[in-house]
PDB file of N, CA and C in Angstrom:
ATOM      1  N   MET A   1       3.605  -0.401  12.578  1.00  0.00           N
ATOM      2  CA  MET A   1       3.813   0.966  12.334  1.00  0.00           C
ATOM      3  C   MET A   1       2.785   1.991  12.859  1.00  0.00           C
ATOM      4  N   ALA A   2       1.577   1.487  12.754  1.00  0.00           N
ATOM      5  CA  ALA A   2       0.465   2.347  13.267  1.00  0.00           C
ATOM      6  C   ALA A   2       0.567   2.571  14.738  1.00  0.00           C
ATOM      7  N   PHE A   3       0.956   1.538  15.456  1.00  0.00           N
ATOM      8  CA  PHE A   3       1.129   1.606  16.924  1.00  0.00           C
ATOM      9  C   PHE A   3       2.176   2.680  17.306  1.00  0.00           C
ATOM     10  N   VAL A   4       3.269   2.785  16.594  1.00  0.00           N
ATOM     11  CA  VAL A   4       4.270   3.745  16.833  1.00  0.00           C
ATOM     12  C   VAL A   4       3.881   5.155  16.431  1.00  0.00           C
ATOM     13  N   VAL A   5       3.105   5.289  15.315  1.00  0.00           N
ATOM     14  CA  VAL A   5       2.709   6.641  14.935  1.00  0.00           C
ATOM     15  C   VAL A   5       1.643   7.162  15.909  1.00  0.00           C
ATOM     16  N   LEU A   6       0.753   6.336  16.331  1.00  0.00           N
ATOM     17  CA  LEU A   6      -0.272   6.799  17.417  1.00  0.00           C
ATOM     18  C   LEU A   6       0.363   7.241  18.642  1.00  0.00           C
ATOM     19  N   ALA A   7       1.300   6.346  19.139  1.00  0.00           N
ATOM     20  CA  ALA A   7       1.944   6.723  20.436  1.00  0.00           C
ATOM     21  C   ALA A   7       2.844   7.937  20.325  1.00  0.00           C
ATOM     22  N   SER A   8       3.586   8.011  19.246  1.00  0.00           N
ATOM     23  CA  SER A   8       4.560   9.116  19.042  1.00  0.00           C
ATOM     24  C   SER A   8       3.868  10.433  18.790  1.00  0.00           C
ATOM     25  N   SER A   9       2.729  10.336  18.085  1.00  0.00           N
ATOM     26  CA  SER A   9       1.992  11.550  17.768  1.00  0.00           C
ATOM     27  C   SER A   9       1.457  12.209  19.047  1.00  0.00           C
ATOM     28  N   GLN A  10       1.018  11.438  20.030  1.00  0.00           N
ATOM     29  CA  GLN A  10       0.585  11.992  21.329  1.00  0.00           C
ATOM     30  C   GLN A  10       1.768  12.650  22.063  1.00  0.00           C
ATOM     31  N   LEU A  11       2.898  12.050  22.014  1.00  0.00           N
ATOM     32  CA  LEU A  11       3.977  12.595  22.631  1.00  0.00           C
ATOM     33  C   LEU A  11       4.351  13.951  22.069  1.00  0.00           C
ATOM     34  N   PHE A  12       4.475  14.060  20.748  1.00  0.00           N
ATOM     35  CA  PHE A  12       4.816  15.316  20.103  1.00  0.00           C
ATOM     36  C   PHE A  12       3.699  16.338  20.275  1.00  0.00           C
ATOM     37  N   TYR A  13       2.423  15.887  20.242  1.00  0.00           N
ATOM     38  CA  TYR A  13       1.205  16.745  20.366  1.00  0.00           C
ATOM     39  C   TYR A  13       1.238  17.422  21.701  1.00  0.00           C
ATOM     40  N   SER A  14       1.790  16.826  22.711  1.00  0.00           N
ATOM     41  CA  SER A  14       1.766  17.358  24.072  1.00  0.00           C
ATOM     42  C   SER A  14       2.628  18.606  24.090  1.00  0.00           C
ATOM     43  N   LEU A  15       3.488  18.834  23.204  1.00  0.00           N
ATOM     44  CA  LEU A  15       4.255  20.132  23.137  1.00  0.00           C
ATOM     45  C   LEU A  15       3.373  21.335  22.696  1.00  0.00           C
ATOM     46  N   SER A  16       2.463  20.891  21.884  1.00  0.00           N
ATOM     47  CA  SER A  16       1.486  22.069  21.343  1.00  0.00           C
ATOM     48  C   SER A  16       0.379  22.278  22.311  1.00  0.00           C
ATOM     49  N   LEU A  17       0.062  21.353  23.248  1.00  0.00           N
ATOM     50  CA  LEU A  17      -1.073  21.563  24.171  1.00  0.00           C
ATOM     51  C   LEU A  17      -0.707  22.452  25.387  1.00  0.00           C
ATOM     52  N   ARG A  18       0.541  22.883  25.411  1.00  0.00           N
ATOM     53  CA  ARG A  18       0.910  23.707  26.626  1.00  0.00           C
ATOM     54  C   ARG A  18       0.283  25.096  26.598  1.00  0.00           C
ATOM     55  N   SER A  19      -0.224  25.546  25.430  1.00  0.00           N
ATOM     56  CA  SER A  19      -0.799  26.867  25.312  1.00  0.00           C
ATOM     57  C   SER A  19      -1.935  26.802  24.261  1.00  0.00           C
ATOM     58  N   GLU A  20      -3.024  27.427  24.497  1.00  0.00           N
ATOM     59  CA  GLU A  20      -4.082  27.489  23.518  1.00  0.00           C
ATOM     60  C   GLU A  20      -3.830  28.524  22.362  1.00  0.00           C
ATOM     61  N   SER A  21      -2.907  29.490  22.653  1.00  0.00           N
ATOM     62  CA  SER A  21      -2.790  30.580  21.645  1.00  0.00           C
ATOM     63  C   SER A  21      -1.263  30.728  21.258  1.00  0.00           C
ATOM     64  N   LYS A  22      -0.402  30.474  22.126  1.00  0.00           N
ATOM     65  CA  LYS A  22       1.029  30.621  21.804  1.00  0.00           C
ATOM     66  C   LYS A  22       1.650  29.437  21.088  1.00  0.00           C
ATOM     67  N   SER A  23       2.491  29.755  20.148  1.00  0.00           N
ATOM     68  CA  SER A  23       3.135  28.560  19.437  1.00  0.00           C
ATOM     69  C   SER A  23       4.203  28.002  20.365  1.00  0.00           C
ATOM     70  N   ILE A  24       4.737  26.731  19.971  1.00  0.00           N
ATOM     71  CA  ILE A  24       5.772  26.143  20.820  1.00  0.00           C
ATOM     72  C   ILE A  24       7.051  26.868  20.713  1.00  0.00           C
ATOM     73  N   PHE A  25       7.140  27.728  19.668  1.00  0.00           N
ATOM     74  CA  PHE A  25       8.398  28.509  19.572  1.00  0.00           C
ATOM     75  C   PHE A  25       8.305  29.746  20.492  1.00  0.00           C
ATOM     76  N   GLN A  26       7.079  30.336  20.611  1.00  0.00           N
ATOM     77  CA  GLN A  26       6.927  31.457  21.571  1.00  0.00           C
ATOM     78  C   GLN A  26       7.087  31.047  22.964  1.00  0.00           C
ATOM     79  N   ILE A  27       6.628  29.827  23.309  1.00  0.00           N
ATOM     80  CA  ILE A  27       6.766  29.297  24.657  1.00  0.00           C
ATOM     81  C   ILE A  27       8.221  28.825  24.905  1.00  0.00           C
ATOM     82  N   GLY A  28       8.740  28.211  23.910  1.00  0.00           N
ATOM     83  CA  GLY A  28      10.069  27.605  23.997  1.00  0.00           C
ATOM     84  C   GLY A  28       9.934  26.098  24.108  1.00  0.00           C
ATOM     85  N   ILE A  29      10.497  25.388  23.236  1.00  0.00           N
ATOM     86  CA  ILE A  29      10.402  23.984  23.182  1.00  0.00           C
ATOM     87  C   ILE A  29      11.029  23.343  24.453  1.00  0.00           C
ATOM     88  N   PHE A  30      12.073  23.918  24.926  1.00  0.00           N
ATOM     89  CA  PHE A  30      12.757  23.318  26.079  1.00  0.00           C
ATOM     90  C   PHE A  30      12.543  24.054  27.429  1.00  0.00           C
ATOM     91  N   SER A  31      11.378  24.900  27.400  1.00  0.00           N
ATOM     92  CA  SER A  31      11.095  25.593  28.649  1.00  0.00           C
ATOM     93  C   SER A  31      10.501  24.669  29.702  1.00  0.00           C
ATOM     94  N   ASN A  32       9.941  23.514  29.258  1.00  0.00           N
ATOM     95  CA  ASN A  32       9.500  22.579  30.236  1.00  0.00           C
ATOM     96  C   ASN A  32      10.334  21.251  30.070  1.00  0.00           C
ATOM     97  N   ILE A  33      11.458  21.236  30.794  1.00  0.00           N
ATOM     98  CA  ILE A  33      12.504  20.271  30.580  1.00  0.00           C
ATOM     99  C   ILE A  33      11.928  18.794  31.004  1.00  0.00           C
ATOM    100  N   TYR A  34      10.963  18.845  31.933  1.00  0.00           N
ATOM    101  CA  TYR A  34      10.385  17.433  32.371  1.00  0.00           C
ATOM    102  C   TYR A  34       9.504  16.931  31.210  1.00  0.00           C
ATOM    103  N   LEU A  35       8.826  17.748  30.526  1.00  0.00           N
ATOM    104  CA  LEU A  35       8.047  17.335  29.356  1.00  0.00           C
ATOM    105  C   LEU A  35       8.869  16.796  28.275  1.00  0.00           C
ATOM    106  N   VAL A  36       9.955  17.497  27.962  1.00  0.00           N
ATOM    107  CA  VAL A  36      10.932  17.027  26.939  1.00  0.00           C
ATOM    108  C   VAL A  36      11.549  15.725  27.338  1.00  0.00           C
ATOM    109  N   GLY A  37      11.891  15.629  28.555  1.00  0.00           N
ATOM    110  CA  GLY A  37      12.424  14.318  29.098  1.00  0.00           C
ATOM    111  C   GLY A  37      11.463  13.190  28.994  1.00  0.00           C
ATOM    112  N   ALA A  38      10.204  13.460  29.265  1.00  0.00           N
ATOM    113  CA  ALA A  38       9.194  12.433  29.165  1.00  0.00           C
ATOM    114  C   ALA A  38       8.996  12.010  27.788  1.00  0.00           C
ATOM    115  N   ILE A  39       9.113  12.941  26.820  1.00  0.00           N
ATOM    116  CA  ILE A  39       8.969  12.636  25.437  1.00  0.00           C
ATOM    117  C   ILE A  39      10.133  11.796  24.966  1.00  0.00           C
ATOM    118  N   VAL A  40      11.318  12.164  25.365  1.00  0.00           N
ATOM    119  CA  VAL A  40      12.489  11.341  24.981  1.00  0.00           C
ATOM    120  C   VAL A  40      12.415   9.961  25.507  1.00  0.00           C
ATOM    121  N   VAL A  41      12.044   9.860  26.826  1.00  0.00           N
ATOM    122  CA  VAL A  41      11.814   8.459  27.443  1.00  0.00           C
ATOM    123  C   VAL A  41      10.846   7.659  26.684  1.00  0.00           C
ATOM    124  N   GLY A  42       9.710   8.352  26.408  1.00  0.00           N
ATOM    125  CA  GLY A  42       8.657   7.607  25.710  1.00  0.00           C
ATOM    126  C   GLY A  42       9.064   7.115  24.329  1.00  0.00           C
ATOM    127  N   LEU A  43       9.788   7.932  23.674  1.00  0.00           N
ATOM    128  CA  LEU A  43      10.310   7.474  22.243  1.00  0.00           C
ATOM    129  C   LEU A  43      11.319   6.345  22.426  1.00  0.00           C
ATOM    130  N   ILE A  44      12.170   6.454  23.401  1.00  0.00           N
ATOM    131  CA  ILE A  44      13.130   5.416  23.617  1.00  0.00           C
ATOM    132  C   ILE A  44      12.391   4.147  23.905  1.00  0.00           C
ATOM    133  N   LEU A  45      11.419   4.155  24.794  1.00  0.00           N
ATOM    134  CA  LEU A  45      10.726   2.962  25.109  1.00  0.00           C
ATOM    135  C   LEU A  45       9.996   2.345  23.920  1.00  0.00           C
ATOM    136  N   GLN A  46       9.437   3.236  23.040  1.00  0.00           N
ATOM    137  CA  GLN A  46       8.723   2.740  21.853  1.00  0.00           C
ATOM    138  C   GLN A  46       9.762   2.064  20.974  1.00  0.00           C
ATOM    139  N   MET A  47      10.894   2.743  20.754  1.00  0.00           N
ATOM    140  CA  MET A  47      11.925   2.173  19.905  1.00  0.00           C
ATOM    141  C   MET A  47      12.399   0.847  20.446  1.00  0.00           C
ATOM    142  N   SER A  48      12.502   0.738  21.751  1.00  0.00           N
ATOM    143  CA  SER A  48      12.950  -0.539  22.411  1.00  0.00           C
ATOM    144  C   SER A  48      11.989  -1.644  22.037  1.00  0.00           C
ATOM    145  N   VAL A  49      10.693  -1.407  22.119  1.00  0.00           N
ATOM    146  CA  VAL A  49       9.699  -2.359  21.904  1.00  0.00           C
ATOM    147  C   VAL A  49       9.766  -2.829  20.452  1.00  0.00           C
ATOM    148  N   ILE A  50      10.093  -1.938  19.506  1.00  0.00           N
ATOM    149  CA  ILE A  50      10.168  -2.352  18.143  1.00  0.00           C
ATOM    150  C   ILE A  50      11.467  -2.950  17.763  1.00  0.00           C
ATOM    151  N   GLU A  51      12.671  -2.507  18.288  1.00  0.00           N
ATOM    152  CA  GLU A  51      13.948  -2.928  17.831  1.00  0.00           C
ATOM    153  C   GLU A  51      14.551  -3.985  18.741  1.00  0.00           C
ATOM    154  N   ILE A  52      14.203  -4.270  19.996  1.00  0.00           N
ATOM    155  CA  ILE A  52      14.856  -5.281  20.782  1.00  0.00           C
ATOM    156  C   ILE A  52      13.934  -6.543  20.573  1.00  0.00           C
ATOM    157  N   ALA A  53      14.617  -7.611  20.038  1.00  0.00           N
ATOM    158  CA  ALA A  53      13.899  -8.776  19.574  1.00  0.00           C
ATOM    159  C   ALA A  53      12.973  -9.484  20.637  1.00  0.00           C
ATOM    160  N   PRO A  54      13.422  -9.636  21.864  1.00  0.00           N
ATOM    161  CA  PRO A  54      12.495 -10.279  22.862  1.00  0.00           C
ATOM    162  C   PRO A  54      11.201  -9.423  23.024  1.00  0.00           C
ATOM    163  N   LEU A  55      11.399  -8.070  23.163  1.00  0.00           N
ATOM    164  CA  LEU A  55      10.262  -7.232  23.335  1.00  0.00           C
ATOM    165  C   LEU A  55       9.437  -7.193  22.156  1.00  0.00           C
ATOM    166  N   ALA A  56      10.029  -7.129  20.949  1.00  0.00           N
ATOM    167  CA  ALA A  56       9.170  -7.203  19.696  1.00  0.00           C
ATOM    168  C   ALA A  56       8.357  -8.505  19.560  1.00  0.00           C
ATOM    169  N   ALA A  57       9.005  -9.527  20.036  1.00  0.00           N
ATOM    170  CA  ALA A  57       8.169 -10.815  19.936  1.00  0.00           C
ATOM    171  C   ALA A  57       7.090 -10.842  20.897  1.00  0.00           C
ATOM    172  N   MET A  58       7.327 -10.247  22.137  1.00  0.00           N
ATOM    173  CA  MET A  58       6.399 -10.242  23.089  1.00  0.00           C
ATOM    174  C   MET A  58       5.130  -9.373  22.751  1.00  0.00           C
ATOM    175  N   PHE A  59       5.437  -8.301  22.033  1.00  0.00           N
ATOM    176  CA  PHE A  59       4.380  -7.293  21.589  1.00  0.00           C
ATOM    177  C   PHE A  59       3.940  -7.595  20.163  1.00  0.00           C
ATOM    178  N   LYS A  60       4.459  -8.634  19.617  1.00  0.00           N
ATOM    179  CA  LYS A  60       4.179  -8.983  18.189  1.00  0.00           C
ATOM    180  C   LYS A  60       4.442  -7.831  17.168  1.00  0.00           C
ATOM    181  N   CYS A  61       5.583  -7.194  17.320  1.00  0.00           N
ATOM    182  CA  CYS A  61       5.948  -6.131  16.393  1.00  0.00           C
ATOM    183  C   CYS A  61       7.023  -6.580  15.490  1.00  0.00           C
ATOM    184  N   VAL A  62       7.190  -5.858  14.421  1.00  0.00           N
ATOM    185  CA  VAL A  62       8.369  -6.184  13.482  1.00  0.00           C
ATOM    186  C   VAL A  62       9.266  -4.959  13.462  1.00  0.00           C
ATOM    187  N   ASN A  63      10.506  -5.264  13.113  1.00  0.00           N
ATOM    188  CA  ASN A  63      11.441  -4.082  13.033  1.00  0.00           C
ATOM    189  C   ASN A  63      11.074  -3.190  11.910  1.00  0.00           C
ATOM    190  N   LEU A  64      11.397  -1.921  12.064  1.00  0.00           N
ATOM    191  CA  LEU A  64      11.125  -0.950  11.034  1.00  0.00           C
ATOM    192  C   LEU A  64      12.484  -0.475  10.399  1.00  0.00           C
ATOM    193  N   ASN A  65      12.432  -0.294   9.104  1.00  0.00           N
ATOM    194  CA  ASN A  65      13.718   0.173   8.450  1.00  0.00           C
ATOM    195  C   ASN A  65      13.771   1.695   8.533  1.00  0.00           C
ATOM    196  N   ALA A  66      14.745   2.296   7.953  1.00  0.00           N
ATOM    197  CA  ALA A  66      14.906   3.776   8.082  1.00  0.00           C
ATOM    198  C   ALA A  66      13.795   4.458   7.356  1.00  0.00           C
ATOM    199  N   ASN A  67      13.354   3.982   6.269  1.00  0.00           N
ATOM    200  CA  ASN A  67      12.252   4.625   5.530  1.00  0.00           C
ATOM    201  C   ASN A  67      10.955   4.608   6.392  1.00  0.00           C
ATOM    202  N   ASP A  68      10.697   3.488   7.035  1.00  0.00           N
ATOM    203  CA  ASP A  68       9.556   3.358   7.931  1.00  0.00           C
ATOM    204  C   ASP A  68       9.580   4.319   9.077  1.00  0.00           C
ATOM    205  N   TRP A  69      10.827   4.513   9.719  1.00  0.00           N
ATOM    206  CA  TRP A  69      10.959   5.437  10.812  1.00  0.00           C
ATOM    207  C   TRP A  69      10.773   6.869  10.334  1.00  0.00           C
ATOM    208  N   GLU A  70      11.170   7.193   9.119  1.00  0.00           N
ATOM    209  CA  GLU A  70      10.907   8.521   8.551  1.00  0.00           C
ATOM    210  C   GLU A  70       9.426   8.733   8.423  1.00  0.00           C
ATOM    211  N   MET A  71       8.765   7.775   7.904  1.00  0.00           N
ATOM    212  CA  MET A  71       7.295   7.898   7.722  1.00  0.00           C
ATOM    213  C   MET A  71       6.603   8.057   9.122  1.00  0.00           C
ATOM    214  N   VAL A  72       7.042   7.240  10.067  1.00  0.00           N
ATOM    215  CA  VAL A  72       6.537   7.376  11.419  1.00  0.00           C
ATOM    216  C   VAL A  72       6.616   8.792  11.942  1.00  0.00           C
ATOM    217  N   PHE A  73       7.784   9.404  11.801  1.00  0.00           N
ATOM    218  CA  PHE A  73       8.000  10.735  12.371  1.00  0.00           C
ATOM    219  C   PHE A  73       7.219  11.820  11.591  1.00  0.00           C
ATOM    220  N   VAL A  74       7.132  11.677  10.318  1.00  0.00           N
ATOM    221  CA  VAL A  74       6.300  12.561   9.568  1.00  0.00           C
ATOM    222  C   VAL A  74       4.873  12.541   9.967  1.00  0.00           C
ATOM    223  N   PHE A  75       4.298  11.317  10.075  1.00  0.00           N
ATOM    224  CA  PHE A  75       2.942  11.228  10.399  1.00  0.00           C
ATOM    225  C   PHE A  75       2.787  11.540  11.839  1.00  0.00           C
ATOM    226  N   ALA A  76       3.698  11.279  12.757  1.00  0.00           N
ATOM    227  CA  ALA A  76       3.467  11.557  14.154  1.00  0.00           C
ATOM    228  C   ALA A  76       3.569  13.052  14.387  1.00  0.00           C
ATOM    229  N   LEU A  77       4.238  13.799  13.639  1.00  0.00           N
ATOM    230  CA  LEU A  77       4.320  15.288  13.736  1.00  0.00           C
ATOM    231  C   LEU A  77       3.140  16.007  13.117  1.00  0.00           C
ATOM    232  N   MET A  78       2.307  15.384  12.428  1.00  0.00           N
ATOM    233  CA  MET A  78       1.151  16.010  11.733  1.00  0.00           C
ATOM    234  C   MET A  78       0.180  16.661  12.740  1.00  0.00           C
ATOM    235  N   PRO A  79      -0.246  15.990  13.799  1.00  0.00           N
ATOM    236  CA  PRO A  79      -1.197  16.715  14.698  1.00  0.00           C
ATOM    237  C   PRO A  79      -0.541  17.934  15.336  1.00  0.00           C
ATOM    238  N   LEU A  80       0.745  17.872  15.645  1.00  0.00           N
ATOM    239  CA  LEU A  80       1.433  19.006  16.201  1.00  0.00           C
ATOM    240  C   LEU A  80       1.409  20.181  15.216  1.00  0.00           C
ATOM    241  N   VAL A  81       1.706  19.923  13.912  1.00  0.00           N
ATOM    242  CA  VAL A  81       1.818  20.912  12.866  1.00  0.00           C
ATOM    243  C   VAL A  81       0.450  21.507  12.612  1.00  0.00           C
ATOM    244  N   VAL A  82      -0.590  20.690  12.509  1.00  0.00           N
ATOM    245  CA  VAL A  82      -1.970  21.105  12.313  1.00  0.00           C
ATOM    246  C   VAL A  82      -2.396  22.047  13.414  1.00  0.00           C
ATOM    247  N   ASN A  83      -2.169  21.669  14.658  1.00  0.00           N
ATOM    248  CA  ASN A  83      -2.550  22.588  15.815  1.00  0.00           C
ATOM    249  C   ASN A  83      -1.747  23.851  15.792  1.00  0.00           C
ATOM    250  N   GLU A  84      -0.479  23.855  15.437  1.00  0.00           N
ATOM    251  CA  GLU A  84       0.239  25.018  15.425  1.00  0.00           C
ATOM    252  C   GLU A  84      -0.253  25.952  14.287  1.00  0.00           C
ATOM    253  N   ILE A  85      -0.673  25.451  13.182  1.00  0.00           N
ATOM    254  CA  ILE A  85      -1.222  26.225  12.088  1.00  0.00           C
ATOM    255  C   ILE A  85      -2.522  26.817  12.472  1.00  0.00           C
ATOM    256  N   GLU A  86      -3.292  26.053  13.153  1.00  0.00           N
ATOM    257  CA  GLU A  86      -4.555  26.519  13.719  1.00  0.00           C
ATOM    258  C   GLU A  86      -4.457  27.734  14.665  1.00  0.00           C
ATOM    259  N   LYS A  87      -3.389  27.573  15.514  1.00  0.00           N
ATOM    260  CA  LYS A  87      -2.995  28.688  16.439  1.00  0.00           C
ATOM    261  C   LYS A  87      -2.669  29.908  15.704  1.00  0.00           C
ATOM    262  N   LEU A  88      -1.891  29.748  14.671  1.00  0.00           N
ATOM    263  CA  LEU A  88      -1.393  30.831  13.844  1.00  0.00           C
ATOM    264  C   LEU A  88      -2.560  31.598  13.180  1.00  0.00           C
ATOM    265  N   VAL A  89      -3.506  30.754  12.583  1.00  0.00           N
ATOM    266  CA  VAL A  89      -4.603  31.358  11.893  1.00  0.00           C
ATOM    267  C   VAL A  89      -5.536  32.119  12.986  1.00  0.00           C
ATOM    268  N   THR A  90      -5.680  31.526  14.147  1.00  0.00           N
ATOM    269  CA  THR A  90      -6.487  32.251  15.220  1.00  0.00           C
ATOM    270  C   THR A  90      -5.852  33.556  15.548  1.00  0.00           C
ATOM    271  N   ARG A  91      -4.529  33.460  15.754  1.00  0.00           N
ATOM    272  CA  ARG A  91      -3.835  34.801  16.181  1.00  0.00           C
ATOM    273  C   ARG A  91      -3.979  35.818  15.058  1.00  0.00           C
ATOM    274  N   MET A  92      -3.773  35.362  13.736  1.00  0.00           N
ATOM    275  CA  MET A  92      -3.935  36.345  12.704  1.00  0.00           C
ATOM    276  C   MET A  92      -5.366  36.945  12.595  1.00  0.00           C
ATOM    277  N   LYS A  93      -6.295  36.019  12.777  1.00  0.00           N
ATOM    278  CA  LYS A  93      -7.670  36.474  12.723  1.00  0.00           C
ATOM    279  C   LYS A  93      -8.039  37.416  13.851  1.00  0.00           C
ATOM    280  N   SER A  94      -7.487  37.176  15.049  1.00  0.00           N
ATOM    281  CA  SER A  94      -7.775  38.106  16.127  1.00  0.00           C
ATOM    282  C   SER A  94      -7.046  39.466  15.990  1.00  0.00           C
ATOM    283  N   LYS A  95      -5.902  39.423  15.315  1.00  0.00           N
ATOM    284  CA  LYS A  95      -5.169  40.737  15.069  1.00  0.00           C
ATOM    285  C   LYS A  95      -5.962  41.545  14.031  1.00  0.00           C
ATOM    286  N   SER A  96      -6.577  40.845  13.032  1.00  0.00           N
ATOM    287  CA  SER A  96      -7.294  41.552  11.927  1.00  0.00           C
ATOM    288  C   SER A  96      -8.575  42.124  12.505  1.00  0.00           C
ATOM    289  N   ASP A  97      -9.162  41.496  13.503  1.00  0.00           N
ATOM    290  CA  ASP A  97     -10.435  41.874  14.121  1.00  0.00           C
ATOM    291  C   ASP A  97     -10.225  43.171  14.939  1.00  0.00           C
ATOM    292  N   ASP A  98      -8.964  43.372  15.460  1.00  0.00           N
ATOM    293  CA  ASP A  98      -8.713  44.549  16.317  1.00  0.00           C
ATOM    294  C   ASP A  98      -8.637  45.765  15.546  1.00  0.00           C
TER     295      ASP A  98
END
């Protein structure tokens, strides 16, 4: 499960790294369709390694149940959320300094 969280978190975090100050909603989540496509492909590949028996055996992974996948996505989204909150605080602070 840690493998999937670490790999997924980097995929989601890449959305936040597109701008140091603008949120992903200001930029537009789908404004870089190639990045979104890469994230989708990366997630599919990860799920394949976990869910397809020969690949899971090769990588010594076990299947995850629905609750495990929920936990994976909650933890994988945390770096993105923390970075977006940091951007918001920075924007609010710069507005109050003006």
